[in-house]
Amino acid sequence: MSAHNEHAAHGGHGDHHDDHDDGAPHATVKGYLTGFILSVILTAIPFWIVMGNVFDKSSTTAFVILAFAAVQMIVHMIYFLHMNAKSEHGWTMLALIFTVVVVVITLSGSLWVMYHMNHNMMPGLMNETHKMP
């Protein structure tokens, strides 16, 4: 019996994966609709917050919008990118965590450097510009 006939006798190409769940999420219309509705809501609320001038302080508005953005990124990763702790034996989630850590370190370090450069650069020059007529 040839290898091709033996393979066909055992059920074809895709049958060996049918009884084995690899942990990868499966896309469904319900999942996509849920993700879409959540994305619309998570976009509409910050839009309303800005347009309605809900908070007095702009820093509070910015913090709330960033929180909604973080939640929306999680919704996109779960419902559209189908990432979870089981897919690809957890490597996608580990790669995501590593990426988030690197981005947080880079952004916080950049903000720290820019704040201190703005605060410490040429303090005498700032006083001279105010004295000029």
C-alpha atoms as a PDB file:
ATOM      1  CA  MET A   1       0.000   0.000   0.000  1.00  0.00           C
ATOM      2  CA  SER A   2       1.434   3.377  -0.966  1.00  0.00           C
ATOM      3  CA  ALA A   3       1.771   6.276   1.449  1.00  0.00           C
ATOM      4  CA  HIS A   4      -0.944   8.193  -0.412  1.00  0.00           C
ATOM      5  CA  ASN A   5      -3.452   5.348  -0.166  1.00  0.00           C
ATOM      6  CA  GLU A   6      -2.596   4.759   3.493  1.00  0.00           C
ATOM      7  CA  HIS A   7      -3.132   8.467   4.249  1.00  0.00           C
ATOM      8  CA  ALA A   8      -6.471   8.445   2.389  1.00  0.00           C
ATOM      9  CA  ALA A   9      -7.552   5.315   4.267  1.00  0.00           C
ATOM     10  CA  HIS A  10      -7.019   7.078   7.586  1.00  0.00           C
ATOM     11  CA  GLY A  11      -9.387   9.917   6.769  1.00  0.00           C
ATOM     12  CA  GLY A  12      -7.668  12.486   4.566  1.00  0.00           C
ATOM     13  CA  HIS A  13      -5.783  15.646   5.350  1.00  0.00           C
ATOM     14  CA  GLY A  14      -7.604  17.475   8.134  1.00  0.00           C
ATOM     15  CA  ASP A  15      -9.113  14.714  10.234  1.00  0.00           C
ATOM     16  CA  HIS A  16      -6.189  14.321  12.598  1.00  0.00           C
ATOM     17  CA  HIS A  17      -6.848  17.844  13.923  1.00  0.00           C
ATOM     18  CA  ASP A  18     -10.585  17.407  14.477  1.00  0.00           C
ATOM     19  CA  ASP A  19     -10.361  15.682  17.845  1.00  0.00           C
ATOM     20  CA  HIS A  20      -7.455  17.802  19.090  1.00  0.00           C
ATOM     21  CA  ASP A  21      -8.131  21.307  20.355  1.00  0.00           C
ATOM     22  CA  ASP A  22      -4.956  23.358  19.946  1.00  0.00           C
ATOM     23  CA  GLY A  23      -6.242  26.177  22.169  1.00  0.00           C
ATOM     24  CA  ALA A  24      -6.596  28.619  19.306  1.00  0.00           C
ATOM     25  CA  PRO A  25      -9.802  30.638  19.430  1.00  0.00           C
ATOM     26  CA  HIS A  26     -12.239  30.166  16.602  1.00  0.00           C
ATOM     27  CA  ALA A  27     -13.790  33.192  14.885  1.00  0.00           C
ATOM     28  CA  THR A  28     -17.556  33.487  14.965  1.00  0.00           C
ATOM     29  CA  VAL A  29     -19.985  36.097  13.731  1.00  0.00           C
ATOM     30  CA  LYS A  30     -21.233  36.552  17.303  1.00  0.00           C
ATOM     31  CA  GLY A  31     -17.658  37.227  18.475  1.00  0.00           C
ATOM     32  CA  TYR A  32     -17.051  39.784  15.721  1.00  0.00           C
ATOM     33  CA  LEU A  33     -20.377  41.527  16.439  1.00  0.00           C
ATOM     34  CA  THR A  34     -19.624  41.626  20.161  1.00  0.00           C
ATOM     35  CA  GLY A  35     -16.199  43.132  19.472  1.00  0.00           C
ATOM     36  CA  PHE A  36     -17.666  45.645  17.037  1.00  0.00           C
ATOM     37  CA  ILE A  37     -20.394  46.785  19.449  1.00  0.00           C
ATOM     38  CA  LEU A  38     -17.905  47.112  22.307  1.00  0.00           C
ATOM     39  CA  SER A  39     -15.548  49.092  20.046  1.00  0.00           C
ATOM     40  CA  VAL A  40     -18.315  51.487  19.031  1.00  0.00           C
ATOM     41  CA  ILE A  41     -19.325  52.024  22.655  1.00  0.00           C
ATOM     42  CA  LEU A  42     -15.702  52.489  23.752  1.00  0.00           C
ATOM     43  CA  THR A  43     -15.280  55.099  21.000  1.00  0.00           C
ATOM     44  CA  ALA A  44     -18.584  56.935  21.533  1.00  0.00           C
ATOM     45  CA  ILE A  45     -18.153  57.465  25.275  1.00  0.00           C
ATOM     46  CA  PRO A  46     -14.786  59.298  25.045  1.00  0.00           C
ATOM     47  CA  PHE A  47     -16.137  61.307  22.102  1.00  0.00           C
ATOM     48  CA  TRP A  48     -19.095  62.369  24.268  1.00  0.00           C
ATOM     49  CA  ILE A  49     -16.744  63.165  27.180  1.00  0.00           C
ATOM     50  CA  VAL A  50     -14.693  65.520  25.008  1.00  0.00           C
ATOM     51  CA  MET A  51     -17.568  67.115  23.097  1.00  0.00           C
ATOM     52  CA  GLY A  52     -19.718  67.544  26.218  1.00  0.00           C
ATOM     53  CA  ASN A  53     -16.826  68.962  28.259  1.00  0.00           C
ATOM     54  CA  VAL A  54     -17.774  66.582  31.069  1.00  0.00           C
ATOM     55  CA  PHE A  55     -14.709  67.105  33.263  1.00  0.00           C
ATOM     56  CA  ASP A  56     -13.395  70.492  34.387  1.00  0.00           C
ATOM     57  CA  LYS A  57      -9.724  69.525  34.252  1.00  0.00           C
ATOM     58  CA  SER A  58      -8.197  68.501  30.944  1.00  0.00           C
ATOM     59  CA  SER A  59      -5.851  66.117  32.741  1.00  0.00           C
ATOM     60  CA  THR A  60      -8.838  64.161  34.085  1.00  0.00           C
ATOM     61  CA  THR A  61     -10.314  64.012  30.586  1.00  0.00           C
ATOM     62  CA  ALA A  62      -7.005  62.773  29.180  1.00  0.00           C
ATOM     63  CA  PHE A  63      -6.697  60.091  31.885  1.00  0.00           C
ATOM     64  CA  VAL A  64     -10.247  58.823  31.255  1.00  0.00           C
ATOM     65  CA  ILE A  65      -9.690  58.740  27.486  1.00  0.00           C
ATOM     66  CA  LEU A  66      -6.435  56.810  27.942  1.00  0.00           C
ATOM     67  CA  ALA A  67      -8.266  54.310  30.158  1.00  0.00           C
ATOM     68  CA  PHE A  68     -10.937  53.816  27.487  1.00  0.00           C
ATOM     69  CA  ALA A  69      -8.191  53.420  24.869  1.00  0.00           C
ATOM     70  CA  ALA A  70      -6.494  50.704  26.934  1.00  0.00           C
ATOM     71  CA  VAL A  71      -9.770  48.820  27.328  1.00  0.00           C
ATOM     72  CA  GLN A  72     -10.449  49.158  23.610  1.00  0.00           C
ATOM     73  CA  MET A  73      -7.018  47.724  22.766  1.00  0.00           C
ATOM     74  CA  ILE A  74      -7.819  44.705  24.923  1.00  0.00           C
ATOM     75  CA  VAL A  75     -11.179  44.290  23.160  1.00  0.00           C
ATOM     76  CA  HIS A  76      -9.445  44.402  19.769  1.00  0.00           C
ATOM     77  CA  MET A  77      -6.844  41.843  20.827  1.00  0.00           C
ATOM     78  CA  ILE A  78      -9.439  39.423  22.158  1.00  0.00           C
ATOM     79  CA  TYR A  79     -12.236  39.745  19.594  1.00  0.00           C
ATOM     80  CA  PHE A  80     -10.365  40.641  16.391  1.00  0.00           C
ATOM     81  CA  LEU A  81      -6.827  39.293  16.827  1.00  0.00           C
ATOM     82  CA  HIS A  82      -8.090  36.243  18.779  1.00  0.00           C
ATOM     83  CA  MET A  83      -5.302  36.393  21.336  1.00  0.00           C
ATOM     84  CA  ASN A  84      -5.574  34.423  24.538  1.00  0.00           C
ATOM     85  CA  ALA A  85      -3.291  32.588  26.939  1.00  0.00           C
ATOM     86  CA  LYS A  86      -3.877  29.230  25.210  1.00  0.00           C
ATOM     87  CA  SER A  87      -3.161  30.096  21.575  1.00  0.00           C
ATOM     88  CA  GLU A  88       0.266  29.015  20.337  1.00  0.00           C
ATOM     89  CA  HIS A  89       0.978  27.595  23.808  1.00  0.00           C
ATOM     90  CA  GLY A  90       0.892  31.058  25.390  1.00  0.00           C
ATOM     91  CA  TRP A  91       3.630  32.585  23.235  1.00  0.00           C
ATOM     92  CA  THR A  92       1.367  35.260  21.751  1.00  0.00           C
ATOM     93  CA  MET A  93       0.375  36.453  25.220  1.00  0.00           C
ATOM     94  CA  LEU A  94       3.998  36.369  26.368  1.00  0.00           C
ATOM     95  CA  ALA A  95       5.034  38.408  23.315  1.00  0.00           C
ATOM     96  CA  LEU A  96       2.242  40.889  24.069  1.00  0.00           C
ATOM     97  CA  ILE A  97       3.322  41.266  27.692  1.00  0.00           C
ATOM     98  CA  PHE A  98       6.937  41.813  26.618  1.00  0.00           C
ATOM     99  CA  THR A  99       5.833  44.427  24.076  1.00  0.00           C
ATOM    100  CA  VAL A 100       3.730  46.268  26.661  1.00  0.00           C
ATOM    101  CA  VAL A 101       6.634  46.316  29.124  1.00  0.00           C
ATOM    102  CA  VAL A 102       9.023  47.696  26.491  1.00  0.00           C
ATOM    103  CA  VAL A 103       6.499  50.356  25.386  1.00  0.00           C
ATOM    104  CA  VAL A 104       5.819  51.450  28.985  1.00  0.00           C
ATOM    105  CA  ILE A 105       9.547  51.700  29.746  1.00  0.00           C
ATOM    106  CA  THR A 106      10.185  53.644  26.529  1.00  0.00           C
ATOM    107  CA  LEU A 107       7.282  56.067  26.982  1.00  0.00           C
ATOM    108  CA  SER A 108       7.828  56.693  30.681  1.00  0.00           C
ATOM    109  CA  GLY A 109      11.573  57.150  30.139  1.00  0.00           C
ATOM    110  CA  SER A 110      10.969  59.554  27.259  1.00  0.00           C
ATOM    111  CA  LEU A 111       8.468  61.589  29.275  1.00  0.00           C
ATOM    112  CA  TRP A 112      10.836  61.661  32.248  1.00  0.00           C
ATOM    113  CA  VAL A 113      13.745  62.853  30.100  1.00  0.00           C
ATOM    114  CA  MET A 114      11.639  65.494  28.326  1.00  0.00           C
ATOM    115  CA  TYR A 115      10.227  66.817  31.619  1.00  0.00           C
ATOM    116  CA  HIS A 116      13.652  67.149  33.180  1.00  0.00           C
ATOM    117  CA  MET A 117      15.179  68.652  30.043  1.00  0.00           C
ATOM    118  CA  ASN A 118      12.413  71.247  29.923  1.00  0.00           C
ATOM    119  CA  HIS A 119      12.781  71.954  33.625  1.00  0.00           C
ATOM    120  CA  ASN A 120      16.599  72.027  33.794  1.00  0.00           C
ATOM    121  CA  MET A 121      17.711  73.417  30.431  1.00  0.00           C
ATOM    122  CA  MET A 122      19.076  76.936  30.571  1.00  0.00           C
ATOM    123  CA  PRO A 123      17.180  78.275  33.563  1.00  0.00           C
ATOM    124  CA  GLY A 124      19.027  81.619  33.281  1.00  0.00           C
ATOM    125  CA  LEU A 125      17.769  82.125  29.727  1.00  0.00           C
ATOM    126  CA  MET A 126      14.173  81.889  30.875  1.00  0.00           C
ATOM    127  CA  ASN A 127      14.688  84.804  33.312  1.00  0.00           C
ATOM    128  CA  GLU A 128      16.430  86.962  30.676  1.00  0.00           C
ATOM    129  CA  THR A 129      13.603  86.655  28.155  1.00  0.00           C
ATOM    130  CA  HIS A 130      11.135  88.044  30.675  1.00  0.00           C
ATOM    131  CA  LYS A 131      13.341  91.094  31.397  1.00  0.00           C
ATOM    132  CA  MET A 132      13.652  92.165  27.742  1.00  0.00           C
ATOM    133  CA  PRO A 133      11.361  95.027  26.654  1.00  0.00           C
END
